[in-house]
Amino acid sequence: MKYIGIGTMLSILGVIGSILIWGKEEAHLLSGLLGGIFLVSAMLMSGAMASGDRMRANLATETNEDRNERNLLMNNALLLAIPNIIVAIFAYYL
């Protein structure tokens, strides 16, 4: 829940910053950019963008501790991305 709260605060600050910089019409830019960055980082950490051979090699060589840490970072990045994307979509249609 901590990362969802941090993501919500970042998205609100992103909307406020976008309004101050570009105006109401572009209120979705900074929060959408943050959401995209966090989403891409979660995809990279999960291995979703790697080939099957690379995934097999990673699973064979990493320890359980490394795998758990990578999965924790991926989940945290995803929890940061979700509020940013929701607020960006909401700000876009308002």
C-alpha atoms as a PDB file:
ATOM      1  CA  MET A   1       0.000   0.000   0.000  1.00  0.00           C
ATOM      2  CA  LYS A   2       2.957   2.294   0.577  1.00  0.00           C
ATOM      3  CA  TYR A   3       3.923   2.267  -3.103  1.00  0.00           C
ATOM      4  CA  ILE A   4       0.373   2.946  -4.266  1.00  0.00           C
ATOM      5  CA  GLY A   5       0.327   6.003  -1.973  1.00  0.00           C
ATOM      6  CA  ILE A   6       3.682   7.178  -3.296  1.00  0.00           C
ATOM      7  CA  GLY A   7       2.464   6.640  -6.866  1.00  0.00           C
ATOM      8  CA  THR A   8      -0.689   8.609  -6.135  1.00  0.00           C
ATOM      9  CA  MET A   9       1.304  11.498  -4.702  1.00  0.00           C
ATOM     10  CA  LEU A  10       3.636  11.456  -7.731  1.00  0.00           C
ATOM     11  CA  SER A  11       0.667  11.469 -10.096  1.00  0.00           C
ATOM     12  CA  ILE A  12      -0.978  14.409  -8.318  1.00  0.00           C
ATOM     13  CA  LEU A  13       2.303  16.322  -8.363  1.00  0.00           C
ATOM     14  CA  GLY A  14       2.686  15.417 -12.045  1.00  0.00           C
ATOM     15  CA  VAL A  15      -0.743  16.813 -12.896  1.00  0.00           C
ATOM     16  CA  ILE A  16      -0.089  19.993 -10.920  1.00  0.00           C
ATOM     17  CA  GLY A  17       3.320  20.395 -12.567  1.00  0.00           C
ATOM     18  CA  SER A  18       1.860  19.818 -16.028  1.00  0.00           C
ATOM     19  CA  ILE A  19      -0.862  22.389 -15.425  1.00  0.00           C
ATOM     20  CA  LEU A  20       1.712  24.917 -14.238  1.00  0.00           C
ATOM     21  CA  ILE A  21       4.046  24.289 -17.184  1.00  0.00           C
ATOM     22  CA  TRP A  22       1.714  23.617 -20.131  1.00  0.00           C
ATOM     23  CA  GLY A  23      -1.804  24.485 -18.970  1.00  0.00           C
ATOM     24  CA  LYS A  24      -5.003  22.499 -18.445  1.00  0.00           C
ATOM     25  CA  GLU A  25      -4.995  20.936 -21.916  1.00  0.00           C
ATOM     26  CA  GLU A  26      -1.775  19.042 -21.236  1.00  0.00           C
ATOM     27  CA  ALA A  27      -2.430  18.059 -17.602  1.00  0.00           C
ATOM     28  CA  HIS A  28      -1.840  14.395 -18.332  1.00  0.00           C
ATOM     29  CA  LEU A  29       1.725  14.632 -19.655  1.00  0.00           C
ATOM     30  CA  LEU A  30       3.957  14.317 -16.590  1.00  0.00           C
ATOM     31  CA  SER A  31       1.879  11.707 -14.791  1.00  0.00           C
ATOM     32  CA  GLY A  32       1.566   9.713 -18.015  1.00  0.00           C
ATOM     33  CA  LEU A  33       5.310   9.937 -18.560  1.00  0.00           C
ATOM     34  CA  LEU A  34       6.005   8.759 -15.006  1.00  0.00           C
ATOM     35  CA  GLY A  35       3.518   5.907 -15.403  1.00  0.00           C
ATOM     36  CA  GLY A  36       5.154   4.876 -18.663  1.00  0.00           C
ATOM     37  CA  ILE A  37       8.636   4.944 -17.160  1.00  0.00           C
ATOM     38  CA  PHE A  38       7.574   2.830 -14.195  1.00  0.00           C
ATOM     39  CA  LEU A  39       5.674   0.422 -16.462  1.00  0.00           C
ATOM     40  CA  VAL A  40       8.632  -0.066 -18.811  1.00  0.00           C
ATOM     41  CA  SER A  41      10.975  -0.600 -15.860  1.00  0.00           C
ATOM     42  CA  ALA A  42       8.578  -3.225 -14.448  1.00  0.00           C
ATOM     43  CA  MET A  43       8.489  -4.951 -17.833  1.00  0.00           C
ATOM     44  CA  LEU A  44      12.276  -4.970 -18.043  1.00  0.00           C
ATOM     45  CA  MET A  45      12.685  -6.328 -14.519  1.00  0.00           C
ATOM     46  CA  SER A  46      10.096  -9.050 -15.062  1.00  0.00           C
ATOM     47  CA  GLY A  47      11.865 -10.343 -18.142  1.00  0.00           C
ATOM     48  CA  ALA A  48       8.796  -9.909 -20.327  1.00  0.00           C
ATOM     49  CA  MET A  49      10.878  -8.325 -23.051  1.00  0.00           C
ATOM     50  CA  ALA A  50      13.543 -11.065 -23.137  1.00  0.00           C
ATOM     51  CA  SER A  51      13.646 -14.086 -25.411  1.00  0.00           C
ATOM     52  CA  GLY A  52      13.003 -17.592 -24.146  1.00  0.00           C
ATOM     53  CA  ASP A  53      16.670 -18.515 -24.254  1.00  0.00           C
ATOM     54  CA  ARG A  54      17.608 -15.479 -22.208  1.00  0.00           C
ATOM     55  CA  MET A  55      14.873 -16.208 -19.652  1.00  0.00           C
ATOM     56  CA  ARG A  56      16.036 -19.803 -19.301  1.00  0.00           C
ATOM     57  CA  ALA A  57      19.634 -18.670 -18.812  1.00  0.00           C
ATOM     58  CA  ASN A  58      18.578 -16.086 -16.219  1.00  0.00           C
ATOM     59  CA  LEU A  59      16.502 -18.594 -14.273  1.00  0.00           C
ATOM     60  CA  ALA A  60      19.340 -21.133 -14.331  1.00  0.00           C
ATOM     61  CA  THR A  61      22.008 -18.751 -13.051  1.00  0.00           C
ATOM     62  CA  GLU A  62      20.215 -16.545 -10.511  1.00  0.00           C
ATOM     63  CA  THR A  63      19.671 -17.519  -6.887  1.00  0.00           C
ATOM     64  CA  ASN A  64      16.330 -17.540  -5.102  1.00  0.00           C
ATOM     65  CA  GLU A  65      17.310 -14.385  -3.215  1.00  0.00           C
ATOM     66  CA  ASP A  66      18.110 -12.563  -6.454  1.00  0.00           C
ATOM     67  CA  ARG A  67      14.871 -13.733  -8.043  1.00  0.00           C
ATOM     68  CA  ASN A  68      12.829 -12.627  -5.031  1.00  0.00           C
ATOM     69  CA  GLU A  69      14.523  -9.210  -5.017  1.00  0.00           C
ATOM     70  CA  ARG A  70      13.913  -8.773  -8.756  1.00  0.00           C
ATOM     71  CA  ASN A  71      10.258  -9.742  -8.375  1.00  0.00           C
ATOM     72  CA  LEU A  72       9.859  -7.345  -5.421  1.00  0.00           C
ATOM     73  CA  LEU A  73      11.333  -4.469  -7.451  1.00  0.00           C
ATOM     74  CA  MET A  74       9.085  -5.359 -10.393  1.00  0.00           C
ATOM     75  CA  ASN A  75       5.975  -5.382  -8.199  1.00  0.00           C
ATOM     76  CA  ASN A  76       6.945  -2.073  -6.585  1.00  0.00           C
ATOM     77  CA  ALA A  77       7.493  -0.433  -9.979  1.00  0.00           C
ATOM     78  CA  LEU A  78       4.124  -1.739 -11.142  1.00  0.00           C
ATOM     79  CA  LEU A  79       2.417  -0.404  -8.016  1.00  0.00           C
ATOM     80  CA  LEU A  80       4.000   2.995  -8.704  1.00  0.00           C
ATOM     81  CA  ALA A  81       2.859   2.915 -12.354  1.00  0.00           C
ATOM     82  CA  ILE A  82      -0.810   2.058 -11.826  1.00  0.00           C
ATOM     83  CA  PRO A  83      -1.954   5.291 -10.082  1.00  0.00           C
ATOM     84  CA  ASN A  84       0.047   7.412 -12.524  1.00  0.00           C
ATOM     85  CA  ILE A  85      -1.573   5.782 -15.540  1.00  0.00           C
ATOM     86  CA  ILE A  86      -5.068   6.001 -14.038  1.00  0.00           C
ATOM     87  CA  VAL A  87      -4.666   9.686 -13.181  1.00  0.00           C
ATOM     88  CA  ALA A  88      -3.179  10.422 -16.637  1.00  0.00           C
ATOM     89  CA  ILE A  89      -6.160   8.780 -18.354  1.00  0.00           C
ATOM     90  CA  PHE A  90      -8.560  10.622 -16.062  1.00  0.00           C
ATOM     91  CA  ALA A  91      -6.821  13.987 -16.676  1.00  0.00           C
ATOM     92  CA  TYR A  92      -6.764  13.365 -20.436  1.00  0.00           C
ATOM     93  CA  TYR A  93     -10.527  12.945 -20.675  1.00  0.00           C
ATOM     94  CA  LEU A  94     -11.396  15.902 -18.430  1.00  0.00           C
END
